């Protein structure tokens, strides 16, 4: 196995282990909510004036899929829609009080997981972090270019 394959396999293994380790606690604490719903709540809380287009771009989903997801979140009373007085065409989303509760549970879990894994990150030097971040950025830009080559426009789907 070459180094490229080792890196990709390493990323996949890390991701799968994180998901497995966190799964039970996440499901127990966020019972009744799908991961996509919780991550949508998180995005809306962290990004002002979130709308269907911004959510579709962030999650690499179609606008139709996001519309269905946000409708479910409204039915569960986690988000509400609003319009700005200067733009009656666009619909934006914000969290309800119940949505803020779910957001905080999720944040607390992430902080707990971060504390669990902190010992590893404390051993990483700034130069090592910089190298990893440069690689991730370079790979992300490459994948963005590949997505663009496919002519996929998430905004219009």
C-alpha atoms as a PDB file:
ATOM      1  CA  UNK A   1       0.000   0.000   0.000  1.00  0.00           C
ATOM      2  CA  UNK A   2       1.450   3.363  -1.005  1.00  0.00           C
ATOM      3  CA  UNK A   3       1.462   6.488   1.177  1.00  0.00           C
ATOM      4  CA  UNK A   4      -1.583   8.016  -0.544  1.00  0.00           C
ATOM      5  CA  UNK A   5      -3.606   4.891   0.180  1.00  0.00           C
ATOM      6  CA  UNK A   6      -2.320   4.854   3.759  1.00  0.00           C
ATOM      7  CA  UNK A   7      -3.396   8.473   4.295  1.00  0.00           C
ATOM      8  CA  UNK A   8      -6.869   7.921   2.839  1.00  0.00           C
ATOM      9  CA  UNK A   9      -7.309   4.692   4.778  1.00  0.00           C
ATOM     10  CA  UNK A  10      -6.101   6.485   7.906  1.00  0.00           C
ATOM     11  CA  UNK A  11      -8.672   9.265   7.432  1.00  0.00           C
ATOM     12  CA  UNK A  12     -11.432   6.723   6.888  1.00  0.00           C
ATOM     13  CA  UNK A  13     -10.422   4.715   9.943  1.00  0.00           C
ATOM     14  CA  UNK A  14     -10.243   7.852  12.108  1.00  0.00           C
ATOM     15  CA  UNK A  15     -13.679   8.959  10.923  1.00  0.00           C
ATOM     16  CA  UNK A  16     -15.239   5.527  11.464  1.00  0.00           C
ATOM     17  CA  UNK A  17     -13.762   5.242  14.968  1.00  0.00           C
ATOM     18  CA  UNK A  18     -14.968   8.715  15.923  1.00  0.00           C
ATOM     19  CA  UNK A  19     -18.466   7.922  14.687  1.00  0.00           C
ATOM     20  CA  UNK A  20     -18.490   4.600  16.548  1.00  0.00           C
ATOM     21  CA  UNK A  21     -17.152   6.088  19.807  1.00  0.00           C
ATOM     22  CA  UNK A  22     -19.572   9.023  19.755  1.00  0.00           C
ATOM     23  CA  UNK A  23     -22.648   7.255  18.369  1.00  0.00           C
ATOM     24  CA  UNK A  24     -24.235   5.835  21.526  1.00  0.00           C
ATOM     25  CA  UNK A  25     -23.864   9.031  23.539  1.00  0.00           C
ATOM     26  CA  UNK A  26     -25.130  11.168  20.641  1.00  0.00           C
ATOM     27  CA  UNK A  27     -28.150   8.928  20.050  1.00  0.00           C
ATOM     28  CA  UNK A  28     -28.963   8.766  23.759  1.00  0.00           C
ATOM     29  CA  UNK A  29     -28.683  12.530  24.277  1.00  0.00           C
ATOM     30  CA  UNK A  30     -30.376  13.512  21.012  1.00  0.00           C
ATOM     31  CA  UNK A  31     -33.047  10.820  20.873  1.00  0.00           C
ATOM     32  CA  UNK A  32     -35.619  11.459  18.171  1.00  0.00           C
ATOM     33  CA  UNK A  33     -33.321  13.606  16.042  1.00  0.00           C
ATOM     34  CA  UNK A  34     -31.355  12.472  13.011  1.00  0.00           C
ATOM     35  CA  UNK A  35     -27.721  13.554  12.616  1.00  0.00           C
ATOM     36  CA  UNK A  36     -28.666  15.620   9.541  1.00  0.00           C
ATOM     37  CA  UNK A  37     -31.278  17.487  11.602  1.00  0.00           C
ATOM     38  CA  UNK A  38     -28.853  18.193  14.437  1.00  0.00           C
ATOM     39  CA  UNK A  39     -26.144  19.385  12.044  1.00  0.00           C
ATOM     40  CA  UNK A  40     -28.645  21.631  10.293  1.00  0.00           C
ATOM     41  CA  UNK A  41     -29.601  23.122  13.681  1.00  0.00           C
ATOM     42  CA  UNK A  42     -25.898  23.649  14.398  1.00  0.00           C
ATOM     43  CA  UNK A  43     -25.330  25.383  11.050  1.00  0.00           C
ATOM     44  CA  UNK A  44     -28.324  27.688  11.500  1.00  0.00           C
ATOM     45  CA  UNK A  45     -27.152  28.705  14.977  1.00  0.00           C
ATOM     46  CA  UNK A  46     -23.603  29.414  13.831  1.00  0.00           C
ATOM     47  CA  UNK A  47     -24.450  31.180  10.545  1.00  0.00           C
ATOM     48  CA  UNK A  48     -26.635  34.263  10.563  1.00  0.00           C
ATOM     49  CA  UNK A  49     -29.348  34.553   7.930  1.00  0.00           C
ATOM     50  CA  UNK A  50     -29.230  30.892   6.941  1.00  0.00           C
ATOM     51  CA  UNK A  51     -31.465  30.053   4.007  1.00  0.00           C
ATOM     52  CA  UNK A  52     -32.086  27.052   1.763  1.00  0.00           C
ATOM     53  CA  UNK A  53     -29.320  28.039  -0.664  1.00  0.00           C
ATOM     54  CA  UNK A  54     -26.659  28.457   2.031  1.00  0.00           C
ATOM     55  CA  UNK A  55     -27.666  25.176   3.681  1.00  0.00           C
ATOM     56  CA  UNK A  56     -27.601  23.305   0.350  1.00  0.00           C
ATOM     57  CA  UNK A  57     -24.105  24.583  -0.376  1.00  0.00           C
ATOM     58  CA  UNK A  58     -22.830  23.768   3.120  1.00  0.00           C
ATOM     59  CA  UNK A  59     -24.191  20.206   3.156  1.00  0.00           C
ATOM     60  CA  UNK A  60     -23.689  19.366  -0.538  1.00  0.00           C
ATOM     61  CA  UNK A  61     -27.380  18.618  -0.854  1.00  0.00           C
ATOM     62  CA  UNK A  62     -30.007  19.815  -3.278  1.00  0.00           C
ATOM     63  CA  UNK A  63     -32.253  22.716  -2.371  1.00  0.00           C
ATOM     64  CA  UNK A  64     -35.190  20.308  -2.556  1.00  0.00           C
ATOM     65  CA  UNK A  65     -33.611  18.022   0.036  1.00  0.00           C
ATOM     66  CA  UNK A  66     -32.873  20.997   2.286  1.00  0.00           C
ATOM     67  CA  UNK A  67     -36.456  22.220   1.919  1.00  0.00           C
ATOM     68  CA  UNK A  68     -37.694  18.839   3.159  1.00  0.00           C
ATOM     69  CA  UNK A  69     -35.204  18.879   6.022  1.00  0.00           C
ATOM     70  CA  UNK A  70     -36.101  22.400   7.143  1.00  0.00           C
ATOM     71  CA  UNK A  71     -39.801  21.543   6.925  1.00  0.00           C
ATOM     72  CA  UNK A  72     -39.207  18.625   9.327  1.00  0.00           C
ATOM     73  CA  UNK A  73     -37.251  20.903  11.649  1.00  0.00           C
ATOM     74  CA  UNK A  74     -40.143  23.380  11.659  1.00  0.00           C
ATOM     75  CA  UNK A  75     -42.615  20.562  12.352  1.00  0.00           C
ATOM     76  CA  UNK A  76     -40.424  19.523  15.300  1.00  0.00           C
ATOM     77  CA  UNK A  77     -40.408  23.178  16.467  1.00  0.00           C
ATOM     78  CA  UNK A  78     -36.615  23.427  16.276  1.00  0.00           C
ATOM     79  CA  UNK A  79     -36.466  26.258  13.740  1.00  0.00           C
ATOM     80  CA  UNK A  80     -38.716  28.994  12.457  1.00  0.00           C
ATOM     81  CA  UNK A  81     -38.646  30.922   9.237  1.00  0.00           C
ATOM     82  CA  UNK A  82     -38.519  34.688   8.901  1.00  0.00           C
ATOM     83  CA  UNK A  83     -38.138  37.380   6.276  1.00  0.00           C
ATOM     84  CA  UNK A  84     -36.282  40.654   6.371  1.00  0.00           C
ATOM     85  CA  UNK A  85     -38.256  43.844   5.941  1.00  0.00           C
ATOM     86  CA  UNK A  86     -36.038  44.866   3.010  1.00  0.00           C
ATOM     87  CA  UNK A  87     -36.277  41.461   1.257  1.00  0.00           C
ATOM     88  CA  UNK A  88     -39.700  39.842   1.282  1.00  0.00           C
ATOM     89  CA  UNK A  89     -38.649  37.256  -1.324  1.00  0.00           C
ATOM     90  CA  UNK A  90     -36.008  35.358   0.650  1.00  0.00           C
ATOM     91  CA  UNK A  91     -36.860  33.073   3.567  1.00  0.00           C
ATOM     92  CA  UNK A  92     -34.344  32.667   6.390  1.00  0.00           C
ATOM     93  CA  UNK A  93     -34.203  30.356   9.388  1.00  0.00           C
ATOM     94  CA  UNK A  94     -33.416  30.785  13.064  1.00  0.00           C
ATOM     95  CA  UNK A  95     -33.592  28.483  16.053  1.00  0.00           C
ATOM     96  CA  UNK A  96     -36.553  28.331  18.382  1.00  0.00           C
ATOM     97  CA  UNK A  97     -36.024  27.890  22.122  1.00  0.00           C
ATOM     98  CA  UNK A  98     -36.282  24.105  21.628  1.00  0.00           C
ATOM     99  CA  UNK A  99     -33.767  24.334  18.785  1.00  0.00           C
ATOM    100  CA  UNK A 100     -31.366  26.171  21.093  1.00  0.00           C
ATOM    101  CA  UNK A 101     -31.702  23.350  23.639  1.00  0.00           C
ATOM    102  CA  UNK A 102     -30.789  20.758  20.981  1.00  0.00           C
ATOM    103  CA  UNK A 103     -27.917  22.945  19.778  1.00  0.00           C
ATOM    104  CA  UNK A 104     -26.536  23.216  23.328  1.00  0.00           C
ATOM    105  CA  UNK A 105     -26.775  19.455  23.955  1.00  0.00           C
ATOM    106  CA  UNK A 106     -24.849  18.871  20.732  1.00  0.00           C
ATOM    107  CA  UNK A 107     -22.220  21.489  21.613  1.00  0.00           C
ATOM    108  CA  UNK A 108     -21.774  20.004  25.081  1.00  0.00           C
ATOM    109  CA  UNK A 109     -21.224  16.562  23.556  1.00  0.00           C
ATOM    110  CA  UNK A 110     -18.625  17.947  21.138  1.00  0.00           C
ATOM    111  CA  UNK A 111     -16.838  19.633  24.034  1.00  0.00           C
ATOM    112  CA  UNK A 112     -16.868  16.359  25.969  1.00  0.00           C
ATOM    113  CA  UNK A 113     -15.411  14.483  22.985  1.00  0.00           C
ATOM    114  CA  UNK A 114     -12.815  17.218  22.524  1.00  0.00           C
ATOM    115  CA  UNK A 115     -11.751  16.837  26.156  1.00  0.00           C
ATOM    116  CA  UNK A 116     -11.487  13.060  25.697  1.00  0.00           C
ATOM    117  CA  UNK A 117      -9.163  13.509  22.695  1.00  0.00           C
ATOM    118  CA  UNK A 118      -7.270  16.556  23.943  1.00  0.00           C
ATOM    119  CA  UNK A 119      -4.201  14.552  25.025  1.00  0.00           C
ATOM    120  CA  UNK A 120      -3.453  13.644  21.413  1.00  0.00           C
ATOM    121  CA  UNK A 121      -3.729  17.204  20.112  1.00  0.00           C
ATOM    122  CA  UNK A 122      -1.554  18.568  22.921  1.00  0.00           C
ATOM    123  CA  UNK A 123       1.322  16.478  21.521  1.00  0.00           C
ATOM    124  CA  UNK A 124       1.049  17.953  18.006  1.00  0.00           C
ATOM    125  CA  UNK A 125       3.432  20.812  17.218  1.00  0.00           C
ATOM    126  CA  UNK A 126       2.390  23.983  15.430  1.00  0.00           C
ATOM    127  CA  UNK A 127       4.449  22.915  12.411  1.00  0.00           C
ATOM    128  CA  UNK A 128       2.646  19.558  12.317  1.00  0.00           C
ATOM    129  CA  UNK A 129      -0.726  21.303  12.555  1.00  0.00           C
ATOM    130  CA  UNK A 130       0.293  23.680   9.772  1.00  0.00           C
ATOM    131  CA  UNK A 131       1.322  20.769   7.531  1.00  0.00           C
ATOM    132  CA  UNK A 132      -1.934  18.923   8.170  1.00  0.00           C
ATOM    133  CA  UNK A 133      -4.015  22.038   7.569  1.00  0.00           C
ATOM    134  CA  UNK A 134      -2.148  22.774   4.336  1.00  0.00           C
ATOM    135  CA  UNK A 135      -2.817  19.239   3.132  1.00  0.00           C
ATOM    136  CA  UNK A 136      -6.507  19.385   4.052  1.00  0.00           C
ATOM    137  CA  UNK A 137      -6.854  22.753   2.315  1.00  0.00           C
ATOM    138  CA  UNK A 138      -5.069  21.523  -0.820  1.00  0.00           C
ATOM    139  CA  UNK A 139      -7.181  18.348  -0.964  1.00  0.00           C
ATOM    140  CA  UNK A 140     -10.378  20.342  -0.414  1.00  0.00           C
ATOM    141  CA  UNK A 141      -9.525  22.693  -3.269  1.00  0.00           C
ATOM    142  CA  UNK A 142      -8.806  19.699  -5.513  1.00  0.00           C
ATOM    143  CA  UNK A 143     -12.166  18.102  -4.654  1.00  0.00           C
ATOM    144  CA  UNK A 144     -13.944  21.435  -5.205  1.00  0.00           C
ATOM    145  CA  UNK A 145     -12.395  21.599  -8.682  1.00  0.00           C
ATOM    146  CA  UNK A 146     -13.496  18.012  -9.402  1.00  0.00           C
ATOM    147  CA  UNK A 147     -17.053  18.826  -8.289  1.00  0.00           C
ATOM    148  CA  UNK A 148     -17.022  21.900 -10.504  1.00  0.00           C
ATOM    149  CA  UNK A 149     -15.840  19.803 -13.492  1.00  0.00           C
ATOM    150  CA  UNK A 150     -18.926  17.640 -13.097  1.00  0.00           C
ATOM    151  CA  UNK A 151     -20.994  20.750 -13.690  1.00  0.00           C
ATOM    152  CA  UNK A 152     -22.957  20.124 -10.549  1.00  0.00           C
ATOM    153  CA  UNK A 153     -24.641  23.269  -9.376  1.00  0.00           C
ATOM    154  CA  UNK A 154     -26.300  22.571  -6.048  1.00  0.00           C
ATOM    155  CA  UNK A 155     -28.037  25.932  -6.159  1.00  0.00           C
ATOM    156  CA  UNK A 156     -30.201  25.002  -9.137  1.00  0.00           C
ATOM    157  CA  UNK A 157     -31.142  21.440  -8.161  1.00  0.00           C
END
